[in-house]
Amino acid sequence: MHKLYLLGVFCVLSAHAAGPREETFRYEVKWPSGLGLGEAQMRASRDGGNWILEFQVEASVPGFRVFDKYRSTVDEKFCTLTFEKEFEHGSRKGKETTTFADGKATRVTAGGGGKSEFAVAGCARDALTYLFFVREEVARGRIPGPQKLYFGAGYDVRIAFTGTESIKVSEAPLDSDKLRVTVATTNGKLELDLFLARDEARTPALVRVPFAMGNFSMEWVR
């Protein structure tokens, strides 16, 4: 189930070709067979001079519930100010906040879980903010080079454009650009296929995540 919440993270792209805008999207999480597994929602909203990115996913399999909620506060340059995550994976629960300032990240875990600090780049990006930035770059015809994103710890990530593809979303065909996202993890690497609609907003339309039993997906509900 670890990949399920990463699937959600890599679907949160809330920028616009001419800059960010307020948006809300709904998604359906599906089994490899196509049957529904759960639902997700993402939203971008304005808060003074900053932007708030939010993502929430709820899914379940027999005897195991997944509930994840993420919230990022970002500035106009796509730099993270704060990143909050709350999760429930079966019996495991957790909540933490990471604050980015002056080349340093401070990570605090709720419930007495402790506090840690580590150095980061001057403009650090958590997973949501990074993908917010990626969608903007793709809209401008650019693919960002390898970078480090933060999702608690730091992870090296790279994205490659693999071509255009017609996909089915809400039972209708949709032209999209396909991106292969590769994340280096402590257990090797995680690869996701991300499909962005070729509309003005570069809507994140579909994400596919490989499991041993097949590809799970998150599909835009139009």
Protein backbone atom coordinates (compact mmCIF):
# COMPACT_ATOMS: atom_id res chain seq x y z
CA MET A 1 0.00 0.00 0.00
CA HIS A 2 3.07 2.28 0.21
CA LYS A 3 2.77 2.88 -3.53
CA LEU A 4 -0.88 3.90 -3.25
CA TYR A 5 -0.19 7.10 -1.39
CA LEU A 6 2.81 7.87 -3.61
CA LEU A 7 0.43 7.43 -6.53
CA GLY A 8 -1.65 10.17 -5.02
CA VAL A 9 1.30 12.44 -4.46
CA PHE A 10 2.41 12.22 -8.07
CA CYS A 11 -1.04 13.17 -9.24
CA VAL A 12 -1.14 16.53 -7.49
CA LEU A 13 -0.25 19.04 -10.22
CA SER A 14 -2.17 22.24 -9.71
CA ALA A 15 -0.59 24.82 -11.97
CA HIS A 16 -1.80 26.57 -15.15
CA ALA A 17 0.08 27.28 -18.38
CA ALA A 18 0.12 31.01 -17.56
CA GLY A 19 0.63 30.52 -13.83
CA PRO A 20 -1.30 28.85 -11.00
CA ARG A 21 -5.05 29.19 -10.59
CA GLU A 22 -7.71 27.95 -8.23
CA GLU A 23 -8.78 24.45 -9.24
CA THR A 24 -10.44 21.34 -7.87
CA PHE A 25 -10.22 17.86 -9.42
CA ARG A 26 -11.73 14.52 -8.43
CA TYR A 27 -10.25 11.09 -9.13
CA GLU A 28 -11.18 7.44 -8.87
CA VAL A 29 -8.58 4.94 -7.66
CA LYS A 30 -8.97 1.66 -9.54
CA TRP A 31 -7.88 -1.96 -9.29
CA PRO A 32 -5.99 -3.44 -12.29
CA SER A 33 -9.34 -4.93 -13.33
CA GLY A 34 -10.86 -1.44 -13.56
CA LEU A 35 -13.09 -1.80 -10.49
CA GLY A 36 -13.19 1.14 -8.09
CA LEU A 37 -10.91 1.01 -5.06
CA GLY A 38 -11.44 4.50 -3.64
CA GLU A 39 -11.60 8.21 -4.36
CA ALA A 40 -9.27 11.19 -4.27
CA GLN A 41 -9.50 14.95 -4.57
CA MET A 42 -6.96 17.69 -5.12
CA ARG A 43 -7.30 21.43 -4.87
CA ALA A 44 -5.27 24.61 -5.35
CA SER A 45 -6.38 27.82 -3.64
CA ARG A 46 -5.01 31.30 -3.01
CA ASP A 47 -3.95 32.47 0.45
CA GLY A 48 -2.70 36.03 0.27
CA GLY A 49 0.57 36.01 -1.65
CA ASN A 50 0.97 32.23 -1.36
CA TRP A 51 -0.74 29.14 -2.74
CA ILE A 52 -2.22 26.20 -0.85
CA LEU A 53 -2.07 22.76 -2.49
CA GLU A 54 -4.16 19.99 -0.97
CA PHE A 55 -4.62 16.33 -1.76
CA GLN A 56 -6.70 13.67 -0.07
CA VAL A 57 -7.18 10.01 -0.95
CA GLU A 58 -9.30 7.33 0.69
CA ALA A 59 -9.16 3.72 -0.46
CA SER A 60 -9.52 0.27 1.02
CA VAL A 61 -8.96 -3.42 0.44
CA PRO A 62 -10.39 -6.15 2.69
CA GLY A 63 -9.02 -5.52 6.17
CA PHE A 64 -6.86 -2.54 5.20
CA ARG A 65 -7.87 1.12 4.96
CA VAL A 66 -5.78 3.88 3.38
CA PHE A 67 -6.45 7.53 4.19
CA ASP A 68 -3.89 10.17 3.25
CA LYS A 69 -4.09 13.95 3.47
CA TYR A 70 -1.39 16.37 2.33
CA ARG A 71 -1.15 20.16 2.38
CA SER A 72 1.58 22.39 0.99
CA THR A 73 2.02 26.14 1.30
CA VAL A 74 4.13 27.50 -1.57
CA ASP A 75 5.29 30.90 -2.77
CA GLU A 76 5.10 32.39 -6.26
CA LYS A 77 8.43 30.79 -7.23
CA PHE A 78 7.21 27.26 -6.48
CA CYS A 79 9.33 27.09 -3.31
CA THR A 80 7.86 25.20 -0.35
CA LEU A 81 7.18 27.06 2.88
CA THR A 82 5.44 24.25 4.79
CA PHE A 83 4.42 20.67 4.01
CA GLU A 84 1.96 18.74 6.18
CA LYS A 85 1.04 15.09 5.86
CA GLU A 86 -1.40 12.92 7.77
CA PHE A 87 -1.93 9.25 7.05
CA GLU A 88 -3.70 6.10 8.15
CA HIS A 89 -2.53 2.81 6.62
CA GLY A 90 -4.33 -0.02 8.33
CA SER A 91 -3.35 0.24 12.00
CA ARG A 92 -0.50 2.69 11.29
CA LYS A 93 -1.27 6.37 11.80
CA GLY A 94 0.91 9.45 11.69
CA LYS A 95 1.06 13.20 11.29
CA GLU A 96 4.00 15.49 10.66
CA THR A 97 4.89 19.00 9.48
CA THR A 98 8.04 20.13 7.69
CA THR A 99 8.94 23.83 7.56
CA PHE A 100 11.43 25.15 5.00
CA ALA A 101 13.37 28.38 5.68
CA ASP A 102 16.88 29.79 5.21
CA GLY A 103 18.30 26.65 3.60
CA LYS A 104 17.04 24.39 6.37
CA ALA A 105 14.11 22.01 6.78
CA THR A 106 12.62 21.34 10.22
CA ARG A 107 10.53 18.17 10.47
CA VAL A 108 8.25 17.70 13.49
CA THR A 109 6.31 14.47 14.08
CA ALA A 110 3.12 14.71 16.15
CA GLY A 111 2.50 12.60 19.23
CA GLY A 112 6.01 12.86 20.62
CA GLY A 113 7.62 11.45 17.49
CA GLY A 114 10.51 13.88 17.64
CA LYS A 115 12.08 16.73 15.69
CA SER A 116 14.86 16.77 13.11
CA GLU A 117 16.63 19.37 10.99
CA PHE A 118 18.58 19.03 7.75
CA ALA A 119 20.05 21.27 5.07
CA VAL A 120 18.14 21.86 1.82
CA ALA A 121 18.53 24.00 -1.29
CA GLY A 122 17.54 27.65 -1.10
CA CYS A 123 14.34 26.84 -3.04
CA ALA A 124 13.38 23.40 -1.77
CA ARG A 125 10.26 21.60 -2.97
CA ASP A 126 8.20 18.90 -1.35
CA ALA A 127 6.51 16.32 -3.55
CA LEU A 128 3.34 18.39 -4.12
CA THR A 129 5.18 21.61 -4.82
CA TYR A 130 7.65 19.87 -7.12
CA LEU A 131 4.89 18.45 -9.28
CA PHE A 132 3.06 21.77 -9.21
CA PHE A 133 6.26 23.14 -10.74
CA VAL A 134 6.56 20.25 -13.23
CA ARG A 135 3.10 20.85 -14.66
CA GLU A 136 3.98 24.51 -15.21
CA GLU A 137 7.22 23.55 -16.94
CA VAL A 138 5.52 21.00 -19.22
CA ALA A 139 2.94 23.62 -20.20
CA ARG A 140 5.83 25.81 -21.33
CA GLY A 141 7.37 22.99 -23.37
CA ARG A 142 10.14 22.12 -20.88
CA ILE A 143 11.00 19.01 -18.87
CA PRO A 144 12.86 19.73 -15.59
CA GLY A 145 16.16 17.98 -15.03
CA PRO A 146 16.85 15.61 -12.10
CA GLN A 147 16.09 17.17 -8.73
CA LYS A 148 15.52 16.28 -5.10
CA LEU A 149 12.02 16.37 -3.66
CA TYR A 150 10.98 16.07 -0.03
CA PHE A 151 8.32 13.76 1.33
CA GLY A 152 9.55 13.52 4.88
CA ALA A 153 13.03 12.46 3.74
CA GLY A 154 14.62 13.65 0.50
CA TYR A 155 14.30 11.60 -2.72
CA ASP A 156 16.05 11.99 -6.05
CA VAL A 157 13.56 12.21 -8.91
CA ARG A 158 13.75 12.46 -12.68
CA ILE A 159 11.07 12.81 -15.32
CA ALA A 160 11.19 11.80 -18.99
CA PHE A 161 8.73 12.60 -21.78
CA THR A 162 7.87 9.33 -23.54
CA GLY A 163 5.46 10.58 -26.21
CA THR A 164 1.79 11.35 -26.79
CA GLU A 165 -0.91 8.79 -26.16
CA SER A 166 -4.70 8.54 -26.42
CA ILE A 167 -6.08 7.29 -23.11
CA LYS A 168 -9.60 6.58 -21.88
CA VAL A 169 -10.89 8.86 -19.09
CA SER A 170 -14.50 8.69 -17.87
CA GLU A 171 -15.15 6.23 -20.71
CA ALA A 172 -14.09 8.76 -23.36
CA PRO A 173 -10.82 9.07 -25.36
CA LEU A 174 -8.43 11.84 -24.36
CA ASP A 175 -5.18 12.98 -25.99
CA SER A 176 -2.35 13.21 -23.47
CA ASP A 177 1.39 13.61 -22.99
CA LYS A 178 2.96 10.66 -21.19
CA LEU A 179 5.68 11.20 -18.58
CA ARG A 180 7.72 8.51 -16.85
CA VAL A 181 8.50 9.53 -13.26
CA THR A 182 11.36 7.68 -11.55
CA VAL A 183 11.97 8.13 -7.83
CA ALA A 184 15.02 6.68 -6.07
CA THR A 185 13.95 5.09 -2.78
CA THR A 186 15.77 3.22 -0.02
CA ASN A 187 14.45 -0.01 -1.55
CA GLY A 188 15.48 0.71 -5.12
CA LYS A 189 13.30 2.81 -7.37
CA LEU A 190 9.63 3.56 -7.96
CA GLU A 191 8.36 4.29 -11.47
CA LEU A 192 5.04 5.92 -12.29
CA ASP A 193 3.41 6.76 -15.61
CA LEU A 194 1.80 10.20 -15.51
CA PHE A 195 -0.54 11.39 -18.27
CA LEU A 196 -1.25 15.12 -18.68
CA ALA A 197 -4.20 16.18 -20.83
CA ARG A 198 -3.23 18.39 -23.74
CA ASP A 199 -5.62 21.12 -22.65
CA GLU A 200 -4.73 24.66 -21.61
CA ALA A 201 -4.59 23.71 -17.93
CA ARG A 202 -2.44 20.60 -18.54
CA THR A 203 -4.85 18.64 -16.38
CA PRO A 204 -3.35 15.54 -14.69
CA ALA A 205 -5.66 12.94 -16.22
CA LEU A 206 -4.26 9.55 -15.25
CA VAL A 207 -1.54 7.94 -13.13
CA ARG A 208 -0.54 4.28 -13.36
CA VAL A 209 1.50 2.56 -10.64
CA PRO A 210 2.88 -0.97 -11.10
CA PHE A 211 2.27 -3.65 -8.47
CA ALA A 212 3.05 -7.35 -8.66
CA MET A 213 -0.65 -8.03 -9.34
CA GLY A 214 -0.92 -5.40 -12.09
CA ASN A 215 -1.18 -1.65 -12.67
CA PHE A 216 -3.28 0.30 -10.20
CA SER A 217 -4.48 3.65 -11.50
CA MET A 218 -5.92 7.00 -10.52
CA GLU A 219 -8.29 8.38 -13.14
CA TRP A 220 -9.68 11.88 -13.50
CA VAL A 221 -13.47 12.08 -13.10
CA ARG A 222 -14.55 14.61 -15.74
